[in-house]
Amino acid sequence: MYKNKSEHGLNNICGQKIRKLRLEMKNVSQRKLADMLQVQGLDIDKNAIQRMESGKRFITDIELKALAKVLNVTYAELLD
């Protein structure tokens, strides 16, 4: 049977890692992260970041690529 939720019932497996990495950056709020992603061409807002980090929103591969670039990590680091 296909499962589209993580083992913890979340809609993504990297939201908590995104939050951790964002908080490790100096002065990067959810709004600032959304702004950084918009510079990369990703149309996203603060509310979407909040839903990603809380696991309530799926994250596409396009978003994952932009997030990895902005957070200065590899795709694998986000997914582990």
C-alpha atoms as a PDB file:
ATOM      1  CA  MET A   1       0.000   0.000   0.000  1.00  0.00           C
ATOM      2  CA  TYR A   2       1.310   3.457  -0.943  1.00  0.00           C
ATOM      3  CA  LYS A   3       1.879   5.874   1.911  1.00  0.00           C
ATOM      4  CA  ASN A   4       2.128   9.589   1.316  1.00  0.00           C
ATOM      5  CA  LYS A   5       2.833  10.567   4.919  1.00  0.00           C
ATOM      6  CA  SER A   6       5.919  10.097   7.058  1.00  0.00           C
ATOM      7  CA  GLU A   7       6.065   7.482   9.803  1.00  0.00           C
ATOM      8  CA  HIS A   8       4.992  10.238  12.207  1.00  0.00           C
ATOM      9  CA  GLY A   9       1.926  11.154  10.147  1.00  0.00           C
ATOM     10  CA  LEU A  10       3.484  14.321   8.689  1.00  0.00           C
ATOM     11  CA  ASN A  11       3.189  15.421   5.060  1.00  0.00           C
ATOM     12  CA  ASN A  12       6.975  15.746   4.681  1.00  0.00           C
ATOM     13  CA  ILE A  13      10.127  14.328   6.227  1.00  0.00           C
ATOM     14  CA  CYS A  14      12.325  17.410   6.030  1.00  0.00           C
ATOM     15  CA  GLY A  15      10.240  20.158   7.663  1.00  0.00           C
ATOM     16  CA  GLN A  16      11.815  19.780  11.079  1.00  0.00           C
ATOM     17  CA  LYS A  17      15.300  19.815   9.500  1.00  0.00           C
ATOM     18  CA  ILE A  18      14.402  22.983   7.565  1.00  0.00           C
ATOM     19  CA  ARG A  19      13.315  24.647  10.807  1.00  0.00           C
ATOM     20  CA  LYS A  20      16.507  23.561  12.584  1.00  0.00           C
ATOM     21  CA  LEU A  21      18.719  24.880   9.787  1.00  0.00           C
ATOM     22  CA  ARG A  22      16.772  28.139   9.562  1.00  0.00           C
ATOM     23  CA  LEU A  23      17.110  28.727  13.307  1.00  0.00           C
ATOM     24  CA  GLU A  24      20.853  28.078  13.121  1.00  0.00           C
ATOM     25  CA  MET A  25      21.157  30.923  10.632  1.00  0.00           C
ATOM     26  CA  LYS A  26      21.444  34.371  12.165  1.00  0.00           C
ATOM     27  CA  ASN A  27      18.301  36.526  11.971  1.00  0.00           C
ATOM     28  CA  VAL A  28      16.416  34.330   9.470  1.00  0.00           C
ATOM     29  CA  SER A  29      12.708  34.346  10.213  1.00  0.00           C
ATOM     30  CA  GLN A  30      10.153  32.354   8.242  1.00  0.00           C
ATOM     31  CA  ARG A  31       9.381  35.550   6.301  1.00  0.00           C
ATOM     32  CA  LYS A  32      13.085  36.094   5.547  1.00  0.00           C
ATOM     33  CA  LEU A  33      13.427  32.484   4.364  1.00  0.00           C
ATOM     34  CA  ALA A  34      10.414  32.980   2.074  1.00  0.00           C
ATOM     35  CA  ASP A  35      12.066  36.143   0.708  1.00  0.00           C
ATOM     36  CA  MET A  36      15.306  34.245   0.096  1.00  0.00           C
ATOM     37  CA  LEU A  37      13.393  31.546  -1.784  1.00  0.00           C
ATOM     38  CA  GLN A  38      11.581  34.157  -3.865  1.00  0.00           C
ATOM     39  CA  VAL A  39      14.972  35.497  -4.991  1.00  0.00           C
ATOM     40  CA  GLN A  40      15.644  31.942  -6.237  1.00  0.00           C
ATOM     41  CA  GLY A  41      12.417  32.120  -8.283  1.00  0.00           C
ATOM     42  CA  LEU A  42      10.195  30.148  -5.913  1.00  0.00           C
ATOM     43  CA  ASP A  43       6.839  31.829  -5.315  1.00  0.00           C
ATOM     44  CA  ILE A  44       6.293  31.056  -1.644  1.00  0.00           C
ATOM     45  CA  ASP A  45       5.200  32.976   1.434  1.00  0.00           C
ATOM     46  CA  LYS A  46       5.774  32.881   5.199  1.00  0.00           C
ATOM     47  CA  ASN A  47       2.625  30.809   5.782  1.00  0.00           C
ATOM     48  CA  ALA A  48       3.865  28.105   3.418  1.00  0.00           C
ATOM     49  CA  ILE A  49       7.191  27.992   5.298  1.00  0.00           C
ATOM     50  CA  GLN A  50       5.301  27.608   8.585  1.00  0.00           C
ATOM     51  CA  ARG A  51       3.231  24.727   7.155  1.00  0.00           C
ATOM     52  CA  MET A  52       6.353  23.058   5.738  1.00  0.00           C
ATOM     53  CA  GLU A  53       8.208  23.256   9.038  1.00  0.00           C
ATOM     54  CA  SER A  54       5.231  21.890  10.975  1.00  0.00           C
ATOM     55  CA  GLY A  55       4.806  19.000   8.530  1.00  0.00           C
ATOM     56  CA  LYS A  56       1.356  20.102   7.387  1.00  0.00           C
ATOM     57  CA  ARG A  57       2.445  20.792   3.797  1.00  0.00           C
ATOM     58  CA  PHE A  58       3.974  18.592   1.133  1.00  0.00           C
ATOM     59  CA  ILE A  59       7.284  19.820  -0.308  1.00  0.00           C
ATOM     60  CA  THR A  60       7.884  19.425  -4.040  1.00  0.00           C
ATOM     61  CA  ASP A  61      11.212  18.518  -5.564  1.00  0.00           C
ATOM     62  CA  ILE A  62      11.450  22.039  -7.022  1.00  0.00           C
ATOM     63  CA  GLU A  63      10.975  23.502  -3.539  1.00  0.00           C
ATOM     64  CA  LEU A  64      13.450  21.017  -2.060  1.00  0.00           C
ATOM     65  CA  LYS A  65      16.084  22.081  -4.595  1.00  0.00           C
ATOM     66  CA  ALA A  66      15.611  25.782  -3.770  1.00  0.00           C
ATOM     67  CA  LEU A  67      15.560  25.111  -0.022  1.00  0.00           C
ATOM     68  CA  ALA A  68      18.814  23.155  -0.206  1.00  0.00           C
ATOM     69  CA  LYS A  69      20.477  25.986  -2.110  1.00  0.00           C
ATOM     70  CA  VAL A  70      19.259  28.729   0.250  1.00  0.00           C
ATOM     71  CA  LEU A  71      20.082  26.713   3.380  1.00  0.00           C
ATOM     72  CA  ASN A  72      23.467  25.745   1.900  1.00  0.00           C
ATOM     73  CA  VAL A  73      22.996  21.982   2.325  1.00  0.00           C
ATOM     74  CA  THR A  74      22.573  18.987   0.022  1.00  0.00           C
ATOM     75  CA  TYR A  75      19.255  17.357  -0.809  1.00  0.00           C
ATOM     76  CA  ALA A  76      20.338  14.325   1.203  1.00  0.00           C
ATOM     77  CA  GLU A  77      20.937  16.452   4.303  1.00  0.00           C
ATOM     78  CA  LEU A  78      17.368  17.721   4.116  1.00  0.00           C
ATOM     79  CA  LEU A  79      15.958  14.241   3.676  1.00  0.00           C
ATOM     80  CA  ASP A  80      17.963  12.533   6.443  1.00  0.00           C
END
